[in-house]
Amino acid sequence: PHSPSFLHSLLFLQETAGFPPMEELEELSQELLRELSSGCTEELLRRGLERRERLDTRLLEAQRKARGLTEGLAEAEAKVFQRLQEAQADVQRLRRRSQELDTELERVQGTLSSAKDRTQYPGAARGSCGGGELQEQLRQLEHDKDEEEEHSLPPDVYVAQLYYEISRINWDYSAEPGRIRGIHYGPDIAVPLDMDEAQHSGTFVSDYLWGLVPTEW
């Protein structure tokens, strides 16, 4: 809507037969500029509000995705921690089993030594037969112990292997300082990794690497 002074000026022009005075024309021009300026401000305000609404929508969507990512990372960390605990328990169990095999091996070796001593006396055929059985038992125990030692890895080696099973990343340890480089072996294709820590935050790098972990973990 136009101001009363603007309408009054228009009526004055309609009622005047000749040209209006210069003062009236100047006043009319100023009023017209004010009206035009007022309309432009309203349009800018409308556009600003629309843009603000779009930004608010994008912000809410980003917050929703961030919450989902945080929950996903927390769940993945919990699963990895649980698997690490289970791996450490397995290492302890294998160590106890290795100690039991050592004890049993020492017992059989002592029994075998006694059996060999008995074979030096006459009429010790049955003792010699028993010695053969003990030798077979000793070989079996040594074989079992070797297998246990193969599976009983040091905790740091086991954790490293477990991390590779989870992440499927071969790191390039020859990369210069500040450079993160390696190869991620995904289910379909191998993707090289090459990131500069100076250009990415630690949070971004962590989120990106966690995003490579398969969902089944």
C-alpha atoms as a PDB file:
ATOM      1  CA  PRO A   1       0.000   0.000   0.000  1.00  0.00           C
ATOM      2  CA  HIS A   2       1.117   3.544  -0.737  1.00  0.00           C
ATOM      3  CA  SER A   3       1.492   6.258   1.869  1.00  0.00           C
ATOM      4  CA  PRO A   4      -1.170   9.060   2.170  1.00  0.00           C
ATOM      5  CA  SER A   5       1.271  11.692   0.970  1.00  0.00           C
ATOM      6  CA  PHE A   6       1.940   9.668  -2.172  1.00  0.00           C
ATOM      7  CA  LEU A   7      -1.798   9.351  -2.919  1.00  0.00           C
ATOM      8  CA  HIS A   8      -2.303  13.046  -2.204  1.00  0.00           C
ATOM      9  CA  SER A   9       0.369  13.930  -4.755  1.00  0.00           C
ATOM     10  CA  LEU A  10      -1.277  11.750  -7.393  1.00  0.00           C
ATOM     11  CA  LEU A  11      -4.657  13.440  -6.754  1.00  0.00           C
ATOM     12  CA  PHE A  12      -3.037  16.829  -7.010  1.00  0.00           C
ATOM     13  CA  LEU A  13      -1.625  15.981 -10.434  1.00  0.00           C
ATOM     14  CA  GLN A  14      -4.977  14.720 -11.628  1.00  0.00           C
ATOM     15  CA  GLU A  15      -6.767  17.923 -10.519  1.00  0.00           C
ATOM     16  CA  THR A  16      -4.203  20.328 -11.985  1.00  0.00           C
ATOM     17  CA  ALA A  17      -4.550  21.236 -15.630  1.00  0.00           C
ATOM     18  CA  GLY A  18      -0.968  22.409 -16.153  1.00  0.00           C
ATOM     19  CA  PHE A  19       2.368  21.079 -15.042  1.00  0.00           C
ATOM     20  CA  PRO A  20       2.971  21.036 -11.276  1.00  0.00           C
ATOM     21  CA  PRO A  21       5.630  23.193  -9.650  1.00  0.00           C
ATOM     22  CA  MET A  22       9.159  21.841  -9.424  1.00  0.00           C
ATOM     23  CA  GLU A  23       8.878  21.459  -5.628  1.00  0.00           C
ATOM     24  CA  GLU A  24       5.857  19.165  -6.062  1.00  0.00           C
ATOM     25  CA  LEU A  25       7.630  17.070  -8.665  1.00  0.00           C
ATOM     26  CA  GLU A  26      10.646  16.705  -6.430  1.00  0.00           C
ATOM     27  CA  GLU A  27       8.469  15.696  -3.507  1.00  0.00           C
ATOM     28  CA  LEU A  28       6.652  13.185  -5.670  1.00  0.00           C
ATOM     29  CA  SER A  29       9.961  11.709  -6.888  1.00  0.00           C
ATOM     30  CA  GLN A  30      11.244  11.333  -3.340  1.00  0.00           C
ATOM     31  CA  GLU A  31       8.023   9.656  -2.238  1.00  0.00           C
ATOM     32  CA  LEU A  32       8.159   7.315  -5.189  1.00  0.00           C
ATOM     33  CA  LEU A  33      11.764   6.372  -4.364  1.00  0.00           C
ATOM     34  CA  ARG A  34      10.770   5.677  -0.758  1.00  0.00           C
ATOM     35  CA  GLU A  35       7.956   3.397  -1.900  1.00  0.00           C
ATOM     36  CA  LEU A  36      10.226   1.575  -4.298  1.00  0.00           C
ATOM     37  CA  SER A  37      12.862   1.206  -1.609  1.00  0.00           C
ATOM     38  CA  SER A  38      10.281  -0.141   0.815  1.00  0.00           C
ATOM     39  CA  GLY A  39       9.137  -2.770  -1.690  1.00  0.00           C
ATOM     40  CA  CYS A  40      12.708  -3.832  -2.400  1.00  0.00           C
ATOM     41  CA  THR A  41      13.401  -4.242   1.315  1.00  0.00           C
ATOM     42  CA  GLU A  42      10.400  -6.501   1.710  1.00  0.00           C
ATOM     43  CA  GLU A  43      11.584  -8.647  -1.185  1.00  0.00           C
ATOM     44  CA  LEU A  44      15.076  -8.913   0.254  1.00  0.00           C
ATOM     45  CA  LEU A  45      13.607  -9.805   3.631  1.00  0.00           C
ATOM     46  CA  ARG A  46      11.447 -12.514   2.064  1.00  0.00           C
ATOM     47  CA  ARG A  47      14.412 -13.998   0.224  1.00  0.00           C
ATOM     48  CA  GLY A  48      16.512 -13.877   3.376  1.00  0.00           C
ATOM     49  CA  LEU A  49      13.859 -15.723   5.365  1.00  0.00           C
ATOM     50  CA  GLU A  50      13.558 -18.390   2.668  1.00  0.00           C
ATOM     51  CA  ARG A  51      17.304 -18.850   2.596  1.00  0.00           C
ATOM     52  CA  ARG A  52      17.396 -19.058   6.383  1.00  0.00           C
ATOM     53  CA  GLU A  53      14.709 -21.738   6.299  1.00  0.00           C
ATOM     54  CA  ARG A  54      16.709 -23.765   3.776  1.00  0.00           C
ATOM     55  CA  LEU A  55      19.848 -23.454   5.894  1.00  0.00           C
ATOM     56  CA  ASP A  56      17.954 -24.560   9.007  1.00  0.00           C
ATOM     57  CA  THR A  57      16.691 -27.615   7.134  1.00  0.00           C
ATOM     58  CA  ARG A  58      20.195 -28.519   5.991  1.00  0.00           C
ATOM     59  CA  LEU A  59      21.525 -27.996   9.513  1.00  0.00           C
ATOM     60  CA  LEU A  60      18.932 -30.337  11.012  1.00  0.00           C
ATOM     61  CA  GLU A  61      19.714 -32.962   8.378  1.00  0.00           C
ATOM     62  CA  ALA A  62      23.450 -32.668   9.060  1.00  0.00           C
ATOM     63  CA  GLN A  63      22.834 -33.030  12.800  1.00  0.00           C
ATOM     64  CA  ARG A  64      20.708 -36.120  12.185  1.00  0.00           C
ATOM     65  CA  LYS A  65      23.439 -37.708  10.061  1.00  0.00           C
ATOM     66  CA  ALA A  66      26.072 -36.789  12.653  1.00  0.00           C
ATOM     67  CA  ARG A  67      24.061 -38.481  15.402  1.00  0.00           C
ATOM     68  CA  GLY A  68      23.671 -41.580  13.242  1.00  0.00           C
ATOM     69  CA  LEU A  69      27.400 -41.631  12.490  1.00  0.00           C
ATOM     70  CA  THR A  70      28.276 -41.220  16.167  1.00  0.00           C
ATOM     71  CA  GLU A  71      25.969 -44.058  17.159  1.00  0.00           C
ATOM     72  CA  GLY A  72      27.408 -46.249  14.395  1.00  0.00           C
ATOM     73  CA  LEU A  73      30.973 -45.522  15.477  1.00  0.00           C
ATOM     74  CA  ALA A  74      30.154 -46.248  19.111  1.00  0.00           C
ATOM     75  CA  GLU A  75      28.574 -49.560  18.135  1.00  0.00           C
ATOM     76  CA  ALA A  76      31.565 -50.504  15.955  1.00  0.00           C
ATOM     77  CA  GLU A  77      33.992 -49.596  18.746  1.00  0.00           C
ATOM     78  CA  ALA A  78      32.025 -51.726  21.206  1.00  0.00           C
ATOM     79  CA  LYS A  79      32.150 -54.713  18.851  1.00  0.00           C
ATOM     80  CA  VAL A  80      35.882 -54.299  18.245  1.00  0.00           C
ATOM     81  CA  PHE A  81      36.489 -54.012  21.998  1.00  0.00           C
ATOM     82  CA  GLN A  82      34.464 -57.168  22.621  1.00  0.00           C
ATOM     83  CA  ARG A  83      36.420 -59.070  19.976  1.00  0.00           C
ATOM     84  CA  LEU A  84      39.668 -57.804  21.465  1.00  0.00           C
ATOM     85  CA  GLN A  85      38.602 -59.049  24.903  1.00  0.00           C
ATOM     86  CA  GLU A  86      37.743 -62.436  23.429  1.00  0.00           C
ATOM     87  CA  ALA A  87      41.097 -62.536  21.620  1.00  0.00           C
ATOM     88  CA  GLN A  88      42.968 -61.783  24.836  1.00  0.00           C
ATOM     89  CA  ALA A  89      40.991 -64.507  26.631  1.00  0.00           C
ATOM     90  CA  ASP A  90      41.933 -66.951  23.855  1.00  0.00           C
ATOM     91  CA  VAL A  91      45.599 -66.021  24.244  1.00  0.00           C
ATOM     92  CA  GLN A  92      45.437 -66.680  27.991  1.00  0.00           C
ATOM     93  CA  ARG A  93      43.687 -70.017  27.409  1.00  0.00           C
ATOM     94  CA  LEU A  94      46.303 -71.086  24.860  1.00  0.00           C
ATOM     95  CA  ARG A  95      49.093 -70.126  27.237  1.00  0.00           C
ATOM     96  CA  ARG A  96      47.569 -72.239  30.010  1.00  0.00           C
ATOM     97  CA  ARG A  97      47.186 -75.137  27.582  1.00  0.00           C
ATOM     98  CA  SER A  98      50.824 -74.741  26.542  1.00  0.00           C
ATOM     99  CA  GLN A  99      51.905 -74.916  30.186  1.00  0.00           C
ATOM    100  CA  GLU A 100      49.816 -78.056  30.681  1.00  0.00           C
ATOM    101  CA  LEU A 101      51.468 -79.642  27.642  1.00  0.00           C
ATOM    102  CA  ASP A 102      54.906 -78.722  28.988  1.00  0.00           C
ATOM    103  CA  THR A 103      54.088 -80.407  32.289  1.00  0.00           C
ATOM    104  CA  GLU A 104      52.736 -83.510  30.553  1.00  0.00           C
ATOM    105  CA  LEU A 105      55.746 -83.601  28.257  1.00  0.00           C
ATOM    106  CA  GLU A 106      58.134 -83.515  31.207  1.00  0.00           C
ATOM    107  CA  ARG A 107      56.198 -86.339  32.878  1.00  0.00           C
ATOM    108  CA  VAL A 108      56.303 -88.535  29.778  1.00  0.00           C
ATOM    109  CA  GLN A 109      59.994 -87.807  29.247  1.00  0.00           C
ATOM    110  CA  GLY A 110      60.697 -88.892  32.818  1.00  0.00           C
ATOM    111  CA  THR A 111      58.655 -92.065  32.391  1.00  0.00           C
ATOM    112  CA  LEU A 112      60.403 -92.833  29.104  1.00  0.00           C
ATOM    113  CA  SER A 113      63.803 -92.356  30.710  1.00  0.00           C
ATOM    114  CA  SER A 114      62.854 -94.815  33.440  1.00  0.00           C
ATOM    115  CA  ALA A 115      61.621 -97.303  30.850  1.00  0.00           C
ATOM    116  CA  LYS A 116      64.891 -97.069  28.946  1.00  0.00           C
ATOM    117  CA  ASP A 117      66.795 -97.785  32.162  1.00  0.00           C
ATOM    118  CA  ARG A 118      64.709-100.906  32.761  1.00  0.00           C
ATOM    119  CA  THR A 119      65.473-102.241  29.269  1.00  0.00           C
ATOM    120  CA  GLN A 120      69.134-102.614  30.277  1.00  0.00           C
ATOM    121  CA  TYR A 121      68.250-105.550  32.563  1.00  0.00           C
ATOM    122  CA  PRO A 122      67.522-109.113  31.344  1.00  0.00           C
ATOM    123  CA  GLY A 123      63.911-110.146  30.765  1.00  0.00           C
ATOM    124  CA  ALA A 124      62.758-106.572  30.228  1.00  0.00           C
ATOM    125  CA  ALA A 125      60.931-107.197  26.911  1.00  0.00           C
ATOM    126  CA  ARG A 126      57.656-105.924  28.203  1.00  0.00           C
ATOM    127  CA  GLY A 127      59.418-102.841  29.529  1.00  0.00           C
ATOM    128  CA  SER A 128      60.865-102.261  26.074  1.00  0.00           C
ATOM    129  CA  CYS A 129      57.377-102.488  24.555  1.00  0.00           C
ATOM    130  CA  GLY A 130      56.102 -99.993  27.054  1.00  0.00           C
ATOM    131  CA  GLY A 131      58.974 -97.736  26.134  1.00  0.00           C
ATOM    132  CA  GLY A 132      57.857 -97.794  22.490  1.00  0.00           C
ATOM    133  CA  GLU A 133      54.360 -96.709  23.498  1.00  0.00           C
ATOM    134  CA  LEU A 134      55.808 -93.930  25.606  1.00  0.00           C
ATOM    135  CA  GLN A 135      57.917 -92.730  22.677  1.00  0.00           C
ATOM    136  CA  GLU A 136      54.829 -92.550  20.508  1.00  0.00           C
ATOM    137  CA  GLN A 137      52.994 -90.650  23.239  1.00  0.00           C
ATOM    138  CA  LEU A 138      55.963 -88.291  23.554  1.00  0.00           C
ATOM    139  CA  ARG A 139      55.954 -87.580  19.810  1.00  0.00           C
ATOM    140  CA  GLN A 140      52.231 -86.892  19.925  1.00  0.00           C
ATOM    141  CA  LEU A 141      52.639 -84.483  22.832  1.00  0.00           C
ATOM    142  CA  GLU A 142      55.464 -82.655  21.043  1.00  0.00           C
ATOM    143  CA  HIS A 143      53.283 -82.391  17.925  1.00  0.00           C
ATOM    144  CA  ASP A 144      50.363 -81.003  19.982  1.00  0.00           C
ATOM    145  CA  LYS A 145      52.644 -78.493  21.666  1.00  0.00           C
ATOM    146  CA  ASP A 146      53.989 -77.263  18.332  1.00  0.00           C
ATOM    147  CA  GLU A 147      50.438 -76.725  17.072  1.00  0.00           C
ATOM    148  CA  GLU A 148      49.478 -74.832  20.214  1.00  0.00           C
ATOM    149  CA  GLU A 149      52.512 -72.563  19.865  1.00  0.00           C
ATOM    150  CA  GLU A 150      51.581 -71.781  16.264  1.00  0.00           C
ATOM    151  CA  HIS A 151      48.136 -70.585  17.373  1.00  0.00           C
ATOM    152  CA  SER A 152      49.345 -68.901  20.565  1.00  0.00           C
ATOM    153  CA  LEU A 153      50.486 -65.568  19.148  1.00  0.00           C
ATOM    154  CA  PRO A 154      51.769 -62.657  21.248  1.00  0.00           C
ATOM    155  CA  PRO A 155      48.965 -60.199  22.128  1.00  0.00           C
ATOM    156  CA  ASP A 156      50.413 -57.376  20.033  1.00  0.00           C
ATOM    157  CA  VAL A 157      50.738 -59.627  16.973  1.00  0.00           C
ATOM    158  CA  TYR A 158      47.248 -61.006  17.489  1.00  0.00           C
ATOM    159  CA  VAL A 159      45.779 -57.505  17.855  1.00  0.00           C
ATOM    160  CA  ALA A 160      47.564 -56.389  14.674  1.00  0.00           C
ATOM    161  CA  GLN A 161      46.145 -59.337  12.758  1.00  0.00           C
ATOM    162  CA  LEU A 162      42.689 -58.712  14.218  1.00  0.00           C
ATOM    163  CA  TYR A 163      42.881 -55.037  13.175  1.00  0.00           C
ATOM    164  CA  TYR A 164      43.751 -56.066   9.631  1.00  0.00           C
ATOM    165  CA  GLU A 165      40.830 -58.498   9.549  1.00  0.00           C
ATOM    166  CA  ILE A 166      38.546 -55.614  10.557  1.00  0.00           C
ATOM    167  CA  SER A 167      39.945 -52.735   8.503  1.00  0.00           C
ATOM    168  CA  ARG A 168      41.509 -54.614   5.545  1.00  0.00           C
ATOM    169  CA  ILE A 169      44.113 -51.831   5.246  1.00  0.00           C
ATOM    170  CA  ASN A 170      47.763 -52.407   4.369  1.00  0.00           C
ATOM    171  CA  TRP A 171      49.633 -49.348   5.663  1.00  0.00           C
ATOM    172  CA  ASP A 172      52.580 -47.861   3.822  1.00  0.00           C
ATOM    173  CA  TYR A 173      55.000 -47.251   6.704  1.00  0.00           C
ATOM    174  CA  SER A 174      57.536 -45.689   4.354  1.00  0.00           C
ATOM    175  CA  ALA A 175      55.278 -42.636   3.831  1.00  0.00           C
ATOM    176  CA  GLU A 176      56.768 -39.321   4.894  1.00  0.00           C
ATOM    177  CA  PRO A 177      55.691 -37.792   8.246  1.00  0.00           C
ATOM    178  CA  GLY A 178      52.241 -36.221   8.126  1.00  0.00           C
ATOM    179  CA  ARG A 179      51.190 -38.469   5.256  1.00  0.00           C
ATOM    180  CA  ILE A 180      48.634 -41.284   5.647  1.00  0.00           C
ATOM    181  CA  ARG A 181      49.132 -43.819   2.911  1.00  0.00           C
ATOM    182  CA  GLY A 182      48.089 -47.402   2.274  1.00  0.00           C
ATOM    183  CA  ILE A 183      45.678 -49.664   0.400  1.00  0.00           C
ATOM    184  CA  HIS A 184      42.187 -50.623   1.541  1.00  0.00           C
ATOM    185  CA  TYR A 185      41.042 -53.991   0.222  1.00  0.00           C
ATOM    186  CA  GLY A 186      37.268 -53.717  -0.015  1.00  0.00           C
ATOM    187  CA  PRO A 187      34.845 -56.465  -0.964  1.00  0.00           C
ATOM    188  CA  ASP A 188      34.898 -55.485  -4.639  1.00  0.00           C
ATOM    189  CA  ILE A 189      37.993 -53.369  -5.327  1.00  0.00           C
ATOM    190  CA  ALA A 190      41.248 -52.226  -3.741  1.00  0.00           C
ATOM    191  CA  VAL A 191      41.314 -48.465  -3.067  1.00  0.00           C
ATOM    192  CA  PRO A 192      44.582 -46.567  -2.433  1.00  0.00           C
ATOM    193  CA  LEU A 193      44.692 -44.206   0.537  1.00  0.00           C
ATOM    194  CA  ASP A 194      46.744 -41.021   0.430  1.00  0.00           C
ATOM    195  CA  MET A 195      45.815 -38.197   2.806  1.00  0.00           C
ATOM    196  CA  ASP A 196      47.704 -35.174   4.087  1.00  0.00           C
ATOM    197  CA  GLU A 197      47.169 -34.528   7.811  1.00  0.00           C
ATOM    198  CA  ALA A 198      47.741 -30.829   7.208  1.00  0.00           C
ATOM    199  CA  GLN A 199      44.631 -30.668   5.000  1.00  0.00           C
ATOM    200  CA  HIS A 200      42.303 -32.862   7.091  1.00  0.00           C
ATOM    201  CA  SER A 201      41.396 -32.840  10.763  1.00  0.00           C
ATOM    202  CA  GLY A 202      41.917 -35.860  12.960  1.00  0.00           C
ATOM    203  CA  THR A 203      38.154 -36.248  13.288  1.00  0.00           C
ATOM    204  CA  PHE A 204      37.718 -36.335   9.521  1.00  0.00           C
ATOM    205  CA  VAL A 205      40.474 -38.940   9.099  1.00  0.00           C
ATOM    206  CA  SER A 206      39.023 -41.080  11.897  1.00  0.00           C
ATOM    207  CA  ASP A 207      35.479 -40.886  10.502  1.00  0.00           C
ATOM    208  CA  TYR A 208      36.714 -41.711   7.011  1.00  0.00           C
ATOM    209  CA  LEU A 209      38.690 -44.761   8.150  1.00  0.00           C
ATOM    210  CA  TRP A 210      35.814 -46.018  10.319  1.00  0.00           C
ATOM    211  CA  GLY A 211      33.569 -45.641   7.296  1.00  0.00           C
ATOM    212  CA  LEU A 212      35.683 -48.285   5.540  1.00  0.00           C
ATOM    213  CA  VAL A 213      34.951 -50.900   8.210  1.00  0.00           C
ATOM    214  CA  PRO A 214      32.348 -53.442   6.992  1.00  0.00           C
ATOM    215  CA  THR A 215      28.971 -53.164   8.694  1.00  0.00           C
ATOM    216  CA  GLU A 216      29.065 -56.808   9.838  1.00  0.00           C
ATOM    217  CA  TRP A 217      31.748 -55.860  12.353  1.00  0.00           C
END
